[in-house]
């Protein structure tokens, strides 16, 4: 794994974790299905955030 790949993976993980925490703060009760959907939606959001940053910075 190159340094660039490691940084990209760390960025994706950071975005995902931040979005999951935000989602958990905004809901009251967590059911299994909601947890799966929330984690999946956070992953999609993290991928979009990484792609948007790369589009802006050209990295």
N, C-alpha and C. Protein backbone atom coordinates (compact mmCIF):
# COMPACT_ATOMS: atom_id res chain seq x y z
N UNK A 1 0.85 -1.17 0.00
CA UNK A 1 0.00 0.00 0.00
C UNK A 1 0.89 1.24 0.00
N UNK A 2 0.67 2.11 -0.93
CA UNK A 2 1.47 3.32 -1.01
C UNK A 2 0.95 4.34 -0.01
N UNK A 3 1.75 5.36 0.19
CA UNK A 3 1.38 6.43 1.12
C UNK A 3 0.10 7.13 0.66
N UNK A 4 0.00 7.34 -0.63
CA UNK A 4 -1.18 8.02 -1.18
C UNK A 4 -2.45 7.21 -0.95
N UNK A 5 -2.36 5.90 -1.13
CA UNK A 5 -3.50 5.02 -0.90
C UNK A 5 -3.88 5.00 0.58
N UNK A 6 -2.88 4.99 1.44
CA UNK A 6 -3.13 5.00 2.88
C UNK A 6 -3.81 6.30 3.31
N UNK A 7 -3.37 7.41 2.75
CA UNK A 7 -4.00 8.70 3.07
C UNK A 7 -5.44 8.75 2.58
N UNK A 8 -5.68 8.22 1.40
CA UNK A 8 -7.04 8.20 0.87
C UNK A 8 -7.95 7.32 1.72
N UNK A 9 -7.44 6.19 2.16
CA UNK A 9 -8.22 5.30 3.03
C UNK A 9 -8.49 5.96 4.38
N UNK A 10 -7.50 6.65 4.92
CA UNK A 10 -7.69 7.35 6.20
C UNK A 10 -8.71 8.47 6.06
N UNK A 11 -8.67 9.18 4.94
CA UNK A 11 -9.64 10.25 4.71
C UNK A 11 -11.06 9.69 4.62
N UNK A 12 -11.21 8.60 3.88
CA UNK A 12 -12.52 7.97 3.74
C UNK A 12 -13.02 7.50 5.10
N UNK A 13 -12.16 6.89 5.89
CA UNK A 13 -12.55 6.41 7.21
C UNK A 13 -12.94 7.56 8.13
N UNK A 14 -12.21 8.66 8.05
CA UNK A 14 -12.52 9.82 8.88
C UNK A 14 -13.88 10.41 8.51
N UNK A 15 -14.14 10.57 7.22
CA UNK A 15 -15.44 11.08 6.78
C UNK A 15 -16.57 10.15 7.22
N UNK A 16 -16.35 8.84 7.03
CA UNK A 16 -17.36 7.86 7.40
C UNK A 16 -17.67 7.93 8.89
N UNK A 17 -16.63 7.97 9.71
CA UNK A 17 -16.82 8.02 11.16
C UNK A 17 -17.54 9.29 11.57
N UNK A 18 -17.17 10.41 10.99
CA UNK A 18 -17.83 11.67 11.33
C UNK A 18 -19.30 11.64 10.95
N UNK A 19 -19.61 11.11 9.78
CA UNK A 19 -21.00 11.06 9.35
C UNK A 19 -21.83 10.07 10.18
N UNK A 20 -21.24 8.96 10.58
CA UNK A 20 -21.96 8.00 11.43
C UNK A 20 -22.24 8.62 12.80
N UNK A 21 -21.25 9.29 13.36
CA UNK A 21 -21.45 9.94 14.67
C UNK A 21 -22.53 11.01 14.57
N UNK A 22 -22.49 11.81 13.53
CA UNK A 22 -23.53 12.83 13.33
C UNK A 22 -24.90 12.20 13.23
N UNK A 23 -25.02 11.13 12.48
CA UNK A 23 -26.29 10.45 12.31
C UNK A 23 -26.78 9.89 13.65
N UNK A 24 -25.88 9.29 14.42
CA UNK A 24 -26.26 8.73 15.71
C UNK A 24 -26.71 9.80 16.69
N UNK A 25 -26.13 10.98 16.61
CA UNK A 25 -26.53 12.09 17.47
C UNK A 25 -27.93 12.57 17.12
N UNK A 26 -28.28 12.51 15.85
CA UNK A 26 -29.56 13.07 15.40
C UNK A 26 -30.74 12.12 15.51
N UNK A 27 -30.51 10.85 15.81
CA UNK A 27 -31.64 9.93 15.96
C UNK A 27 -31.80 9.58 17.43
N UNK A 28 -32.98 9.10 17.80
CA UNK A 28 -33.22 8.80 19.20
C UNK A 28 -33.04 7.31 19.52
N UNK A 29 -33.61 6.44 18.70
CA UNK A 29 -33.54 5.01 18.95
C UNK A 29 -32.89 4.33 17.76
N UNK A 30 -31.98 3.40 18.04
CA UNK A 30 -31.27 2.72 16.96
C UNK A 30 -31.76 1.28 16.87
N UNK A 31 -32.37 0.95 15.75
CA UNK A 31 -32.75 -0.42 15.44
C UNK A 31 -31.75 -0.98 14.44
N UNK A 32 -31.69 -2.29 14.33
CA UNK A 32 -30.69 -2.94 13.48
C UNK A 32 -30.79 -2.48 12.03
N UNK A 33 -32.00 -2.46 11.48
CA UNK A 33 -32.16 -2.04 10.09
C UNK A 33 -31.74 -0.59 9.90
N UNK A 34 -32.11 0.27 10.85
CA UNK A 34 -31.71 1.68 10.75
C UNK A 34 -30.19 1.82 10.85
N UNK A 35 -29.57 0.98 11.66
CA UNK A 35 -28.12 1.03 11.78
C UNK A 35 -27.45 0.66 10.46
N UNK A 36 -27.94 -0.39 9.82
CA UNK A 36 -27.39 -0.81 8.53
C UNK A 36 -27.58 0.28 7.48
N UNK A 37 -28.76 0.86 7.42
CA UNK A 37 -29.03 1.92 6.45
C UNK A 37 -28.19 3.15 6.75
N UNK A 38 -28.08 3.52 8.01
CA UNK A 38 -27.29 4.70 8.38
C UNK A 38 -25.81 4.54 8.08
N UNK A 39 -25.27 3.38 8.37
CA UNK A 39 -23.86 3.12 8.09
C UNK A 39 -23.61 3.11 6.58
N UNK A 40 -24.54 2.53 5.84
CA UNK A 40 -24.40 2.51 4.37
C UNK A 40 -24.51 3.91 3.79
N UNK A 41 -25.45 4.69 4.27
CA UNK A 41 -25.61 6.06 3.78
C UNK A 41 -24.38 6.90 4.13
N UNK A 42 -23.80 6.67 5.31
CA UNK A 42 -22.60 7.39 5.69
C UNK A 42 -21.43 7.03 4.77
N UNK A 43 -21.36 5.78 4.35
CA UNK A 43 -20.31 5.37 3.41
C UNK A 43 -20.48 6.07 2.06
N UNK A 44 -21.70 6.15 1.59
CA UNK A 44 -21.96 6.86 0.33
C UNK A 44 -21.60 8.34 0.47
N UNK A 45 -21.97 8.94 1.59
CA UNK A 45 -21.62 10.33 1.84
C UNK A 45 -20.12 10.55 1.93
N UNK A 46 -19.42 9.61 2.56
CA UNK A 46 -17.97 9.71 2.67
C UNK A 46 -17.30 9.60 1.30
N UNK A 47 -17.79 8.69 0.47
CA UNK A 47 -17.25 8.57 -0.89
C UNK A 47 -17.49 9.85 -1.68
N UNK A 48 -18.67 10.44 -1.53
CA UNK A 48 -18.98 11.69 -2.23
C UNK A 48 -18.09 12.83 -1.73
N UNK A 49 -17.85 12.89 -0.43
CA UNK A 49 -17.00 13.95 0.13
C UNK A 49 -15.57 13.81 -0.36
N UNK A 50 -15.06 12.59 -0.41
CA UNK A 50 -13.70 12.37 -0.92
C UNK A 50 -13.60 12.73 -2.40
N UNK A 51 -14.60 12.33 -3.16
CA UNK A 51 -14.60 12.65 -4.59
C UNK A 51 -14.69 14.14 -4.82
N UNK A 52 -15.51 14.83 -4.04
CA UNK A 52 -15.65 16.28 -4.19
C UNK A 52 -14.34 17.00 -3.85
N UNK A 53 -13.67 16.56 -2.79
CA UNK A 53 -12.40 17.19 -2.44
C UNK A 53 -11.35 16.95 -3.51
N UNK A 54 -11.33 15.75 -4.06
CA UNK A 54 -10.37 15.47 -5.13
C UNK A 54 -10.67 16.29 -6.38
N UNK A 55 -11.96 16.50 -6.67
CA UNK A 55 -12.34 17.28 -7.83
C UNK A 55 -11.91 18.74 -7.67
N UNK A 56 -11.99 19.24 -6.46
CA UNK A 56 -11.63 20.64 -6.21
C UNK A 56 -10.11 20.83 -6.18
N UNK A 57 -9.40 19.91 -5.51
CA UNK A 57 -7.96 20.08 -5.36
C UNK A 57 -7.15 19.48 -6.50
N UNK A 58 -7.75 18.58 -7.27
CA UNK A 58 -7.04 17.95 -8.37
C UNK A 58 -6.08 16.87 -7.94
N UNK A 59 -6.27 16.33 -6.73
CA UNK A 59 -5.39 15.30 -6.21
C UNK A 59 -5.76 13.96 -6.68
